[in-house]
Amino acid sequence: MTTMDETRALPDLSVEATGIASFSADSLDEAALAALAMRAMGRHAAAVSEAGQARLVSVSHDVTGTRFAGGKGEVTSKIDRQTRTLLFMGADLVSEAGLHLHSTGIFRLDTD
């Protein structure tokens, strides 16, 4: 069995508006796309938190199999439900090629 460590920095996310973030990159695998979706949801969650912070409690990703071969990508996130301390969210990561993954996350809103 052969293993290979591959470490590449994620592209920067540009927040266009609350719930919309974009990036430009060369080809990215599913793990990188999932990380970008989590970052975008985290920024959205922090933006609605009174303290400006939110901690990821749970996340899941559904991958479509559509390859991200490079170019511009966009993550659109939305709040599905909010309690006093929790935020339930969903996000879609798309590019010109189509939908790459759908993520759901739960964030704990820091009230300090």
PDB file of N, CA and C in Angstrom:
ATOM      1  N   MET A   1       0.837  -1.165   0.000  1.00  0.00           N
ATOM      2  CA  MET A   1       0.000   0.000   0.000  1.00  0.00           C
ATOM      3  C   MET A   1       0.890   1.240   0.000  1.00  0.00           C
ATOM      4  N   THR A   2       0.524   2.203  -0.790  1.00  0.00           N
ATOM      5  CA  THR A   2       1.266   3.455  -0.880  1.00  0.00           C
ATOM      6  C   THR A   2       0.417   4.576  -0.309  1.00  0.00           C
ATOM      7  N   THR A   3       1.035   5.389   0.508  1.00  0.00           N
ATOM      8  CA  THR A   3       0.329   6.566   1.021  1.00  0.00           C
ATOM      9  C   THR A   3       1.116   7.801   0.637  1.00  0.00           C
ATOM     10  N   MET A   4       0.396   8.914   0.528  1.00  0.00           N
ATOM     11  CA  MET A   4       1.033  10.152   0.143  1.00  0.00           C
ATOM     12  C   MET A   4       0.396  11.282   0.942  1.00  0.00           C
ATOM     13  N   ASP A   5       1.226  12.071   1.567  1.00  0.00           N
ATOM     14  CA  ASP A   5       0.726  13.252   2.260  1.00  0.00           C
ATOM     15  C   ASP A   5       0.713  14.407   1.276  1.00  0.00           C
ATOM     16  N   GLU A   6      -0.438  15.013   1.141  1.00  0.00           N
ATOM     17  CA  GLU A   6      -0.552  16.165   0.261  1.00  0.00           C
ATOM     18  C   GLU A   6      -1.129  17.312   1.069  1.00  0.00           C
ATOM     19  N   THR A   7      -0.360  18.368   1.181  1.00  0.00           N
ATOM     20  CA  THR A   7      -0.819  19.532   1.921  1.00  0.00           C
ATOM     21  C   THR A   7      -0.832  20.723   0.983  1.00  0.00           C
ATOM     22  N   ARG A   8      -2.005  21.271   0.783  1.00  0.00           N
ATOM     23  CA  ARG A   8      -2.151  22.483  -0.024  1.00  0.00           C
ATOM     24  C   ARG A   8      -3.009  23.451   0.758  1.00  0.00           C
ATOM     25  N   ALA A   9      -2.673  24.703   0.669  1.00  0.00           N
ATOM     26  CA  ALA A   9      -3.476  25.724   1.337  1.00  0.00           C
ATOM     27  C   ALA A   9      -4.807  25.876   0.608  1.00  0.00           C
ATOM     28  N   LEU A  10      -5.831  26.144   1.379  1.00  0.00           N
ATOM     29  CA  LEU A  10      -7.137  26.405   0.777  1.00  0.00           C
ATOM     30  C   LEU A  10      -7.147  27.802   0.180  1.00  0.00           C
ATOM     31  N   PRO A  11      -7.909  28.005  -0.878  1.00  0.00           N
ATOM     32  CA  PRO A  11      -8.020  29.358  -1.426  1.00  0.00           C
ATOM     33  C   PRO A  11      -8.764  30.273  -0.451  1.00  0.00           C
ATOM     34  N   ASP A  12      -8.488  31.561  -0.542  1.00  0.00           N
ATOM     35  CA  ASP A  12      -9.179  32.532   0.299  1.00  0.00           C
ATOM     36  C   ASP A  12     -10.641  32.628  -0.100  1.00  0.00           C
ATOM     37  N   LEU A  13     -11.492  32.780   0.914  1.00  0.00           N
ATOM     38  CA  LEU A  13     -12.917  33.018   0.685  1.00  0.00           C
ATOM     39  C   LEU A  13     -13.170  34.515   0.692  1.00  0.00           C
ATOM     40  N   SER A  14     -13.925  34.982  -0.258  1.00  0.00           N
ATOM     41  CA  SER A  14     -14.339  36.377  -0.304  1.00  0.00           C
ATOM     42  C   SER A  14     -15.827  36.417   0.016  1.00  0.00           C
ATOM     43  N   VAL A  15     -16.186  37.073   1.123  1.00  0.00           N
ATOM     44  CA  VAL A  15     -17.596  37.147   1.510  1.00  0.00           C
ATOM     45  C   VAL A  15     -18.247  38.274   0.719  1.00  0.00           C
ATOM     46  N   GLU A  16     -19.160  37.905  -0.166  1.00  0.00           N
ATOM     47  CA  GLU A  16     -19.844  38.874  -1.021  1.00  0.00           C
ATOM     48  C   GLU A  16     -20.966  39.569  -0.255  1.00  0.00           C
ATOM     49  N   ALA A  17     -21.666  38.802   0.545  1.00  0.00           N
ATOM     50  CA  ALA A  17     -22.775  39.274   1.381  1.00  0.00           C
ATOM     51  C   ALA A  17     -23.003  38.187   2.420  1.00  0.00           C
ATOM     52  N   THR A  18     -23.797  38.484   3.432  1.00  0.00           N
ATOM     53  CA  THR A  18     -24.082  37.464   4.436  1.00  0.00           C
ATOM     54  C   THR A  18     -24.698  36.253   3.749  1.00  0.00           C
ATOM     55  N   GLY A  19     -24.049  35.115   3.877  1.00  0.00           N
ATOM     56  CA  GLY A  19     -24.555  33.885   3.283  1.00  0.00           C
ATOM     57  C   GLY A  19     -24.036  33.595   1.890  1.00  0.00           C
ATOM     58  N   ILE A  20     -23.188  34.465   1.346  1.00  0.00           N
ATOM     59  CA  ILE A  20     -22.630  34.222   0.010  1.00  0.00           C
ATOM     60  C   ILE A  20     -21.126  34.468   0.057  1.00  0.00           C
ATOM     61  N   ALA A  21     -20.356  33.431  -0.245  1.00  0.00           N
ATOM     62  CA  ALA A  21     -18.900  33.540  -0.271  1.00  0.00           C
ATOM     63  C   ALA A  21     -18.390  32.906  -1.558  1.00  0.00           C
ATOM     64  N   SER A  22     -17.328  33.473  -2.114  1.00  0.00           N
ATOM     65  CA  SER A  22     -16.786  32.931  -3.360  1.00  0.00           C
ATOM     66  C   SER A  22     -15.279  32.727  -3.231  1.00  0.00           C
ATOM     67  N   PHE A  23     -14.741  31.944  -4.150  1.00  0.00           N
ATOM     68  CA  PHE A  23     -13.308  31.660  -4.189  1.00  0.00           C
ATOM     69  C   PHE A  23     -12.923  31.320  -5.620  1.00  0.00           C
ATOM     70  N   SER A  24     -11.643  31.434  -5.904  1.00  0.00           N
ATOM     71  CA  SER A  24     -11.086  31.004  -7.188  1.00  0.00           C
ATOM     72  C   SER A  24      -9.947  30.043  -6.889  1.00  0.00           C
ATOM     73  N   ALA A  25      -9.888  28.974  -7.656  1.00  0.00           N
ATOM     74  CA  ALA A  25      -8.859  27.968  -7.391  1.00  0.00           C
ATOM     75  C   ALA A  25      -8.661  27.074  -8.601  1.00  0.00           C
ATOM     76  N   ASP A  26      -7.517  26.394  -8.575  1.00  0.00           N
ATOM     77  CA  ASP A  26      -7.300  25.314  -9.525  1.00  0.00           C
ATOM     78  C   ASP A  26      -8.129  24.129  -9.043  1.00  0.00           C
ATOM     79  N   SER A  27      -7.941  22.999  -9.617  1.00  0.00           N
ATOM     80  CA  SER A  27      -8.681  21.789  -9.258  1.00  0.00           C
ATOM     81  C   SER A  27      -8.618  21.521  -7.752  1.00  0.00           C
ATOM     82  N   LEU A  28      -9.776  21.208  -7.151  1.00  0.00           N
ATOM     83  CA  LEU A  28      -9.859  20.893  -5.720  1.00  0.00           C
ATOM     84  C   LEU A  28     -10.587  19.569  -5.523  1.00  0.00           C
ATOM     85  N   ASP A  29     -10.147  18.803  -4.532  1.00  0.00           N
ATOM     86  CA  ASP A  29     -10.832  17.550  -4.222  1.00  0.00           C
ATOM     87  C   ASP A  29     -11.993  17.805  -3.258  1.00  0.00           C
ATOM     88  N   GLU A  30     -12.714  16.739  -2.947  1.00  0.00           N
ATOM     89  CA  GLU A  30     -13.906  16.854  -2.108  1.00  0.00           C
ATOM     90  C   GLU A  30     -13.585  17.346  -0.702  1.00  0.00           C
ATOM     91  N   ALA A  31     -12.439  16.940  -0.159  1.00  0.00           N
ATOM     92  CA  ALA A  31     -12.061  17.366   1.193  1.00  0.00           C
ATOM     93  C   ALA A  31     -11.849  18.877   1.247  1.00  0.00           C
ATOM     94  N   ALA A  32     -11.204  19.423   0.236  1.00  0.00           N
ATOM     95  CA  ALA A  32     -10.986  20.872   0.190  1.00  0.00           C
ATOM     96  C   ALA A  32     -12.310  21.613   0.018  1.00  0.00           C
ATOM     97  N   LEU A  33     -13.187  21.086  -0.811  1.00  0.00           N
ATOM     98  CA  LEU A  33     -14.496  21.720  -1.009  1.00  0.00           C
ATOM     99  C   LEU A  33     -15.304  21.697   0.285  1.00  0.00           C
ATOM    100  N   ALA A  34     -15.244  20.581   1.012  1.00  0.00           N
ATOM    101  CA  ALA A  34     -15.956  20.485   2.290  1.00  0.00           C
ATOM    102  C   ALA A  34     -15.399  21.492   3.290  1.00  0.00           C
ATOM    103  N   ALA A  35     -14.076  21.645   3.320  1.00  0.00           N
ATOM    104  CA  ALA A  35     -13.462  22.617   4.231  1.00  0.00           C
ATOM    105  C   ALA A  35     -13.894  24.039   3.887  1.00  0.00           C
ATOM    106  N   LEU A  36     -13.984  24.357   2.610  1.00  0.00           N
ATOM    107  CA  LEU A  36     -14.435  25.692   2.201  1.00  0.00           C
ATOM    108  C   LEU A  36     -15.889  25.928   2.595  1.00  0.00           C
ATOM    109  N   ALA A  37     -16.723  24.915   2.447  1.00  0.00           N
ATOM    110  CA  ALA A  37     -18.129  25.048   2.851  1.00  0.00           C
ATOM    111  C   ALA A  37     -18.232  25.279   4.354  1.00  0.00           C
ATOM    112  N   MET A  38     -17.422  24.563   5.145  1.00  0.00           N
ATOM    113  CA  MET A  38     -17.441  24.755   6.603  1.00  0.00           C
ATOM    114  C   MET A  38     -16.985  26.165   6.977  1.00  0.00           C
ATOM    115  N   ARG A  39     -15.947  26.650   6.312  1.00  0.00           N
ATOM    116  CA  ARG A  39     -15.476  28.013   6.592  1.00  0.00           C
ATOM    117  C   ARG A  39     -16.545  29.046   6.257  1.00  0.00           C
ATOM    118  N   ALA A  40     -17.208  28.869   5.128  1.00  0.00           N
ATOM    119  CA  ALA A  40     -18.247  29.824   4.730  1.00  0.00           C
ATOM    120  C   ALA A  40     -19.410  29.806   5.712  1.00  0.00           C
ATOM    121  N   MET A  41     -19.847  28.615   6.128  1.00  0.00           N
ATOM    122  CA  MET A  41     -20.925  28.539   7.115  1.00  0.00           C
ATOM    123  C   MET A  41     -20.485  29.154   8.435  1.00  0.00           C
ATOM    124  N   GLY A  42     -19.238  28.923   8.827  1.00  0.00           N
ATOM    125  CA  GLY A  42     -18.724  29.486  10.069  1.00  0.00           C
ATOM    126  C   GLY A  42     -18.721  31.003  10.057  1.00  0.00           C
ATOM    127  N   ARG A  43     -18.345  31.586   8.934  1.00  0.00           N
ATOM    128  CA  ARG A  43     -18.357  33.055   8.825  1.00  0.00           C
ATOM    129  C   ARG A  43     -19.781  33.596   8.874  1.00  0.00           C
ATOM    130  N   HIS A  44     -20.701  32.901   8.231  1.00  0.00           N
ATOM    131  CA  HIS A  44     -22.103  33.304   8.268  1.00  0.00           C
ATOM    132  C   HIS A  44     -22.629  33.217   9.696  1.00  0.00           C
ATOM    133  N   ALA A  45     -22.333  32.115  10.370  1.00  0.00           N
ATOM    134  CA  ALA A  45     -22.790  31.934  11.754  1.00  0.00           C
ATOM    135  C   ALA A  45     -22.208  33.009  12.667  1.00  0.00           C
ATOM    136  N   ALA A  46     -20.931  33.322  12.513  1.00  0.00           N
ATOM    137  CA  ALA A  46     -20.301  34.356  13.339  1.00  0.00           C
ATOM    138  C   ALA A  46     -20.926  35.722  13.079  1.00  0.00           C
ATOM    139  N   ALA A  47     -21.338  35.966  11.842  1.00  0.00           N
ATOM    140  CA  ALA A  47     -21.935  37.259  11.495  1.00  0.00           C
ATOM    141  C   ALA A  47     -23.272  37.486  12.193  1.00  0.00           C
ATOM    142  N   VAL A  48     -23.999  36.421  12.493  1.00  0.00           N
ATOM    143  CA  VAL A  48     -25.304  36.586  13.156  1.00  0.00           C
ATOM    144  C   VAL A  48     -25.212  36.422  14.669  1.00  0.00           C
ATOM    145  N   SER A  49     -24.049  36.025  15.179  1.00  0.00           N
ATOM    146  CA  SER A  49     -23.862  35.872  16.620  1.00  0.00           C
ATOM    147  C   SER A  49     -23.636  37.240  17.253  1.00  0.00           C
ATOM    148  N   GLU A  50     -24.272  37.486  18.379  1.00  0.00           N
ATOM    149  CA  GLU A  50     -24.097  38.761  19.071  1.00  0.00           C
ATOM    150  C   GLU A  50     -22.642  38.992  19.450  1.00  0.00           C
ATOM    151  N   ALA A  51     -21.948  37.946  19.845  1.00  0.00           N
ATOM    152  CA  ALA A  51     -20.544  38.063  20.239  1.00  0.00           C
ATOM    153  C   ALA A  51     -19.600  38.001  19.040  1.00  0.00           C
ATOM    154  N   GLY A  52     -20.140  37.741  17.855  1.00  0.00           N
ATOM    155  CA  GLY A  52     -19.310  37.637  16.662  1.00  0.00           C
ATOM    156  C   GLY A  52     -18.537  36.346  16.558  1.00  0.00           C
ATOM    157  N   GLN A  53     -18.955  35.333  17.334  1.00  0.00           N
ATOM    158  CA  GLN A  53     -18.275  34.043  17.309  1.00  0.00           C
ATOM    159  C   GLN A  53     -19.291  32.912  17.309  1.00  0.00           C
ATOM    160  N   ALA A  54     -18.946  31.844  16.626  1.00  0.00           N
ATOM    161  CA  ALA A  54     -19.780  30.641  16.623  1.00  0.00           C
ATOM    162  C   ALA A  54     -18.850  29.439  16.515  1.00  0.00           C
ATOM    163  N   ARG A  55     -19.162  28.376  17.248  1.00  0.00           N
ATOM    164  CA  ARG A  55     -18.334  27.164  17.240  1.00  0.00           C
ATOM    165  C   ARG A  55     -19.080  26.029  16.559  1.00  0.00           C
ATOM    166  N   LEU A  56     -18.409  25.357  15.651  1.00  0.00           N
ATOM    167  CA  LEU A  56     -18.990  24.221  14.948  1.00  0.00           C
ATOM    168  C   LEU A  56     -19.183  23.060  15.914  1.00  0.00           C
ATOM    169  N   VAL A  57     -20.407  22.536  15.957  1.00  0.00           N
ATOM    170  CA  VAL A  57     -20.742  21.411  16.830  1.00  0.00           C
ATOM    171  C   VAL A  57     -20.875  20.126  16.013  1.00  0.00           C
ATOM    172  N   SER A  58     -21.472  20.235  14.834  1.00  0.00           N
ATOM    173  CA  SER A  58     -21.725  19.057  14.007  1.00  0.00           C
ATOM    174  C   SER A  58     -21.774  19.484  12.544  1.00  0.00           C
ATOM    175  N   VAL A  59     -21.308  18.603  11.666  1.00  0.00           N
ATOM    176  CA  VAL A  59     -21.354  18.901  10.237  1.00  0.00           C
ATOM    177  C   VAL A  59     -21.498  17.600   9.455  1.00  0.00           C
ATOM    178  N   SER A  60     -22.193  17.671   8.333  1.00  0.00           N
ATOM    179  CA  SER A  60     -22.252  16.541   7.403  1.00  0.00           C
ATOM    180  C   SER A  60     -22.221  17.096   5.984  1.00  0.00           C
ATOM    181  N   HIS A  61     -21.696  16.279   5.075  1.00  0.00           N
ATOM    182  CA  HIS A  61     -21.561  16.698   3.683  1.00  0.00           C
ATOM    183  C   HIS A  61     -22.130  15.612   2.778  1.00  0.00           C
ATOM    184  N   ASP A  62     -22.866  16.024   1.783  1.00  0.00           N
ATOM    185  CA  ASP A  62     -23.321  15.135   0.721  1.00  0.00           C
ATOM    186  C   ASP A  62     -22.605  15.568  -0.551  1.00  0.00           C
ATOM    187  N   VAL A  63     -21.784  14.690  -1.100  1.00  0.00           N
ATOM    188  CA  VAL A  63     -20.972  14.991  -2.268  1.00  0.00           C
ATOM    189  C   VAL A  63     -21.692  14.479  -3.509  1.00  0.00           C
ATOM    190  N   THR A  64     -21.721  15.302  -4.564  1.00  0.00           N
ATOM    191  CA  THR A  64     -22.446  14.918  -5.776  1.00  0.00           C
ATOM    192  C   THR A  64     -21.597  14.125  -6.762  1.00  0.00           C
ATOM    193  N   GLY A  65     -20.274  14.237  -6.658  1.00  0.00           N
ATOM    194  CA  GLY A  65     -19.403  13.577  -7.623  1.00  0.00           C
ATOM    195  C   GLY A  65     -19.008  14.481  -8.776  1.00  0.00           C
ATOM    196  N   THR A  66     -19.594  15.675  -8.848  1.00  0.00           N
ATOM    197  CA  THR A  66     -19.218  16.630  -9.883  1.00  0.00           C
ATOM    198  C   THR A  66     -17.826  17.162  -9.564  1.00  0.00           C
ATOM    199  N   ARG A  67     -16.919  17.027 -10.494  1.00  0.00           N
ATOM    200  CA  ARG A  67     -15.516  17.403 -10.282  1.00  0.00           C
ATOM    201  C   ARG A  67     -15.343  18.916 -10.354  1.00  0.00           C
ATOM    202  N   PHE A  68     -14.564  19.481  -9.413  1.00  0.00           N
ATOM    203  CA  PHE A  68     -14.197  20.896  -9.474  1.00  0.00           C
ATOM    204  C   PHE A  68     -12.846  20.970 -10.173  1.00  0.00           C
ATOM    205  N   ALA A  69     -12.871  21.339 -11.448  1.00  0.00           N
ATOM    206  CA  ALA A  69     -11.662  21.331 -12.262  1.00  0.00           C
ATOM    207  C   ALA A  69     -10.933  22.668 -12.253  1.00  0.00           C
ATOM    208  N   GLY A  70     -11.456  23.633 -11.532  1.00  0.00           N
ATOM    209  CA  GLY A  70     -10.817  24.938 -11.458  1.00  0.00           C
ATOM    210  C   GLY A  70     -11.770  26.043 -11.849  1.00  0.00           C
ATOM    211  N   GLY A  71     -11.399  27.260 -11.466  1.00  0.00           N
ATOM    212  CA  GLY A  71     -12.221  28.421 -11.772  1.00  0.00           C
ATOM    213  C   GLY A  71     -12.827  29.003 -10.514  1.00  0.00           C
ATOM    214  N   LYS A  72     -13.968  29.647 -10.683  1.00  0.00           N
ATOM    215  CA  LYS A  72     -14.635  30.300  -9.559  1.00  0.00           C
ATOM    216  C   LYS A  72     -15.681  29.366  -8.958  1.00  0.00           C
ATOM    217  N   GLY A  73     -15.728  29.351  -7.636  1.00  0.00           N
ATOM    218  CA  GLY A  73     -16.741  28.598  -6.913  1.00  0.00           C
ATOM    219  C   GLY A  73     -17.484  29.518  -5.968  1.00  0.00           C
ATOM    220  N   GLU A  74     -18.675  29.116  -5.586  1.00  0.00           N
ATOM    221  CA  GLU A  74     -19.485  29.934  -4.681  1.00  0.00           C
ATOM    222  C   GLU A  74     -20.166  29.041  -3.652  1.00  0.00           C
ATOM    223  N   VAL A  75     -20.178  29.513  -2.413  1.00  0.00           N
ATOM    224  CA  VAL A  75     -20.881  28.821  -1.334  1.00  0.00           C
ATOM    225  C   VAL A  75     -22.022  29.721  -0.891  1.00  0.00           C
ATOM    226  N   THR A  76     -23.223  29.187  -0.968  1.00  0.00           N
ATOM    227  CA  THR A  76     -24.402  29.907  -0.495  1.00  0.00           C
ATOM    228  C   THR A  76     -24.911  29.179   0.737  1.00  0.00           C
ATOM    229  N   SER A  77     -24.952  29.897   1.857  1.00  0.00           N
ATOM    230  CA  SER A  77     -25.416  29.281   3.104  1.00  0.00           C
ATOM    231  C   SER A  77     -26.683  29.970   3.581  1.00  0.00           C
ATOM    232  N   LYS A  78     -27.487  29.208   4.307  1.00  0.00           N
ATOM    233  CA  LYS A  78     -28.720  29.773   4.854  1.00  0.00           C
ATOM    234  C   LYS A  78     -28.972  29.190   6.235  1.00  0.00           C
ATOM    235  N   ILE A  79     -29.653  29.971   7.029  1.00  0.00           N
ATOM    236  CA  ILE A  79     -30.027  29.529   8.369  1.00  0.00           C
ATOM    237  C   ILE A  79     -31.382  28.849   8.267  1.00  0.00           C
ATOM    238  N   ASP A  80     -31.429  27.597   8.674  1.00  0.00           N
ATOM    239  CA  ASP A  80     -32.686  26.852   8.655  1.00  0.00           C
ATOM    240  C   ASP A  80     -33.490  27.080   9.926  1.00  0.00           C
ATOM    241  N   ARG A  81     -32.773  27.181  11.056  1.00  0.00           N
ATOM    242  CA  ARG A  81     -33.451  27.367  12.343  1.00  0.00           C
ATOM    243  C   ARG A  81     -32.450  27.910  13.342  1.00  0.00           C
ATOM    244  N   GLN A  82     -32.936  28.734  14.259  1.00  0.00           N
ATOM    245  CA  GLN A  82     -32.062  29.290  15.282  1.00  0.00           C
ATOM    246  C   GLN A  82     -32.752  29.252  16.633  1.00  0.00           C
ATOM    247  N   THR A  83     -32.010  28.792  17.636  1.00  0.00           N
ATOM    248  CA  THR A  83     -32.466  28.875  19.020  1.00  0.00           C
ATOM    249  C   THR A  83     -31.592  29.925  19.706  1.00  0.00           C
ATOM    250  N   ARG A  84     -31.741  30.067  20.990  1.00  0.00           N
ATOM    251  CA  ARG A  84     -30.945  31.059  21.709  1.00  0.00           C
ATOM    252  C   ARG A  84     -29.453  30.761  21.607  1.00  0.00           C
ATOM    253  N   THR A  85     -29.083  29.481  21.610  1.00  0.00           N
ATOM    254  CA  THR A  85     -27.663  29.114  21.622  1.00  0.00           C
ATOM    255  C   THR A  85     -27.196  28.294  20.421  1.00  0.00           C
ATOM    256  N   LEU A  86     -28.105  27.838  19.578  1.00  0.00           N
ATOM    257  CA  LEU A  86     -27.720  26.998  18.440  1.00  0.00           C
ATOM    258  C   LEU A  86     -28.227  27.569  17.126  1.00  0.00           C
ATOM    259  N   LEU A  87     -27.452  27.315  16.087  1.00  0.00           N
ATOM    260  CA  LEU A  87     -27.803  27.740  14.740  1.00  0.00           C
ATOM    261  C   LEU A  87     -27.724  26.514  13.839  1.00  0.00           C
ATOM    262  N   PHE A  88     -28.804  26.197  13.146  1.00  0.00           N
ATOM    263  CA  PHE A  88     -28.867  25.062  12.226  1.00  0.00           C
ATOM    264  C   PHE A  88     -28.794  25.632  10.813  1.00  0.00           C
ATOM    265  N   MET A  89     -27.815  25.170  10.038  1.00  0.00           N
ATOM    266  CA  MET A  89     -27.553  25.770   8.735  1.00  0.00           C
ATOM    267  C   MET A  89     -27.432  24.733   7.631  1.00  0.00           C
ATOM    268  N   GLY A  90     -27.554  25.219   6.418  1.00  0.00           N
ATOM    269  CA  GLY A  90     -27.291  24.426   5.232  1.00  0.00           C
ATOM    270  C   GLY A  90     -26.484  25.263   4.259  1.00  0.00           C
ATOM    271  N   ALA A  91     -25.709  24.616   3.388  1.00  0.00           N
ATOM    272  CA  ALA A  91     -24.911  25.334   2.396  1.00  0.00           C
ATOM    273  C   ALA A  91     -24.751  24.483   1.145  1.00  0.00           C
ATOM    274  N   ASP A  92     -24.704  25.160   0.012  1.00  0.00           N
ATOM    275  CA  ASP A  92     -24.429  24.516  -1.269  1.00  0.00           C
ATOM    276  C   ASP A  92     -23.177  25.132  -1.866  1.00  0.00           C
ATOM    277  N   LEU A  93     -22.279  24.302  -2.367  1.00  0.00           N
ATOM    278  CA  LEU A  93     -21.086  24.774  -3.052  1.00  0.00           C
ATOM    279  C   LEU A  93     -21.247  24.440  -4.526  1.00  0.00           C
ATOM    280  N   VAL A  94     -21.210  25.480  -5.361  1.00  0.00           N
ATOM    281  CA  VAL A  94     -21.435  25.321  -6.796  1.00  0.00           C
ATOM    282  C   VAL A  94     -20.324  26.013  -7.583  1.00  0.00           C
ATOM    283  N   SER A  95     -20.189  25.600  -8.827  1.00  0.00           N
ATOM    284  CA  SER A  95     -19.314  26.269  -9.787  1.00  0.00           C
ATOM    285  C   SER A  95     -20.019  26.195 -11.136  1.00  0.00           C
ATOM    286  N   GLU A  96     -19.307  26.610 -12.157  1.00  0.00           N
ATOM    287  CA  GLU A  96     -19.857  26.526 -13.505  1.00  0.00           C
ATOM    288  C   GLU A  96     -20.221  25.080 -13.871  1.00  0.00           C
ATOM    289  N   ALA A  97     -19.525  24.118 -13.270  1.00  0.00           N
ATOM    290  CA  ALA A  97     -19.771  22.696 -13.548  1.00  0.00           C
ATOM    291  C   ALA A  97     -21.047  22.181 -12.890  1.00  0.00           C
ATOM    292  N   GLY A  98     -21.570  22.908 -11.890  1.00  0.00           N
ATOM    293  CA  GLY A  98     -22.789  22.488 -11.203  1.00  0.00           C
ATOM    294  C   GLY A  98     -22.593  22.392  -9.701  1.00  0.00           C
ATOM    295  N   LEU A  99     -23.496  21.674  -9.054  1.00  0.00           N
ATOM    296  CA  LEU A  99     -23.454  21.485  -7.604  1.00  0.00           C
ATOM    297  C   LEU A  99     -22.389  20.446  -7.255  1.00  0.00           C
ATOM    298  N   HIS A 100     -21.502  20.795  -6.322  1.00  0.00           N
ATOM    299  CA  HIS A 100     -20.437  19.880  -5.901  1.00  0.00           C
ATOM    300  C   HIS A 100     -20.757  19.202  -4.578  1.00  0.00           C
ATOM    301  N   LEU A 101     -21.304  19.968  -3.627  1.00  0.00           N
ATOM    302  CA  LEU A 101     -21.691  19.353  -2.370  1.00  0.00           C
ATOM    303  C   LEU A 101     -22.706  20.204  -1.637  1.00  0.00           C
ATOM    304  N   HIS A 102     -23.474  19.510  -0.796  1.00  0.00           N
ATOM    305  CA  HIS A 102     -24.437  20.150   0.103  1.00  0.00           C
ATOM    306  C   HIS A 102     -23.986  19.814   1.517  1.00  0.00           C
ATOM    307  N   SER A 103     -23.908  20.830   2.348  1.00  0.00           N
ATOM    308  CA  SER A 103     -23.461  20.643   3.733  1.00  0.00           C
ATOM    309  C   SER A 103     -24.542  21.093   4.693  1.00  0.00           C
ATOM    310  N   THR A 104     -24.604  20.432   5.824  1.00  0.00           N
ATOM    311  CA  THR A 104     -25.453  20.896   6.919  1.00  0.00           C
ATOM    312  C   THR A 104     -24.571  21.002   8.151  1.00  0.00           C
ATOM    313  N   GLY A 105     -24.852  22.003   8.963  1.00  0.00           N
ATOM    314  CA  GLY A 105     -24.038  22.212  10.146  1.00  0.00           C
ATOM    315  C   GLY A 105     -24.843  22.760  11.301  1.00  0.00           C
ATOM    316  N   ILE A 106     -24.357  22.488  12.494  1.00  0.00           N
ATOM    317  CA  ILE A 106     -24.925  23.058  13.712  1.00  0.00           C
ATOM    318  C   ILE A 106     -23.807  23.842  14.382  1.00  0.00           C
ATOM    319  N   PHE A 107     -24.088  25.084  14.713  1.00  0.00           N
ATOM    320  CA  PHE A 107     -23.116  25.953  15.364  1.00  0.00           C
ATOM    321  C   PHE A 107     -23.653  26.393  16.711  1.00  0.00           C
ATOM    322  N   ARG A 108     -22.770  26.436  17.692  1.00  0.00           N
ATOM    323  CA  ARG A 108     -23.108  26.956  19.015  1.00  0.00           C
ATOM    324  C   ARG A 108     -22.750  28.433  19.009  1.00  0.00           C
ATOM    325  N   LEU A 109     -23.728  29.259  19.332  1.00  0.00           N
ATOM    326  CA  LEU A 109     -23.504  30.699  19.366  1.00  0.00           C
ATOM    327  C   LEU A 109     -22.882  31.079  20.697  1.00  0.00           C
ATOM    328  N   ASP A 110     -21.724  31.688  20.644  1.00  0.00           N
ATOM    329  CA  ASP A 110     -21.064  32.145  21.866  1.00  0.00           C
ATOM    330  C   ASP A 110     -21.745  33.423  22.328  1.00  0.00           C
ATOM    331  N   THR A 111     -22.130  33.450  23.562  1.00  0.00           N
ATOM    332  CA  THR A 111     -22.838  34.607  24.103  1.00  0.00           C
ATOM    333  C   THR A 111     -21.953  35.445  25.005  1.00  0.00           C
ATOM    334  N   ASP A 112     -20.672  35.132  25.099  1.00  0.00           N
ATOM    335  CA  ASP A 112     -19.731  35.893  25.938  1.00  0.00           C
ATOM    336  C   ASP A 112     -19.225  37.093  25.191  1.00  0.00           C
TER     337      ASP A 112
END
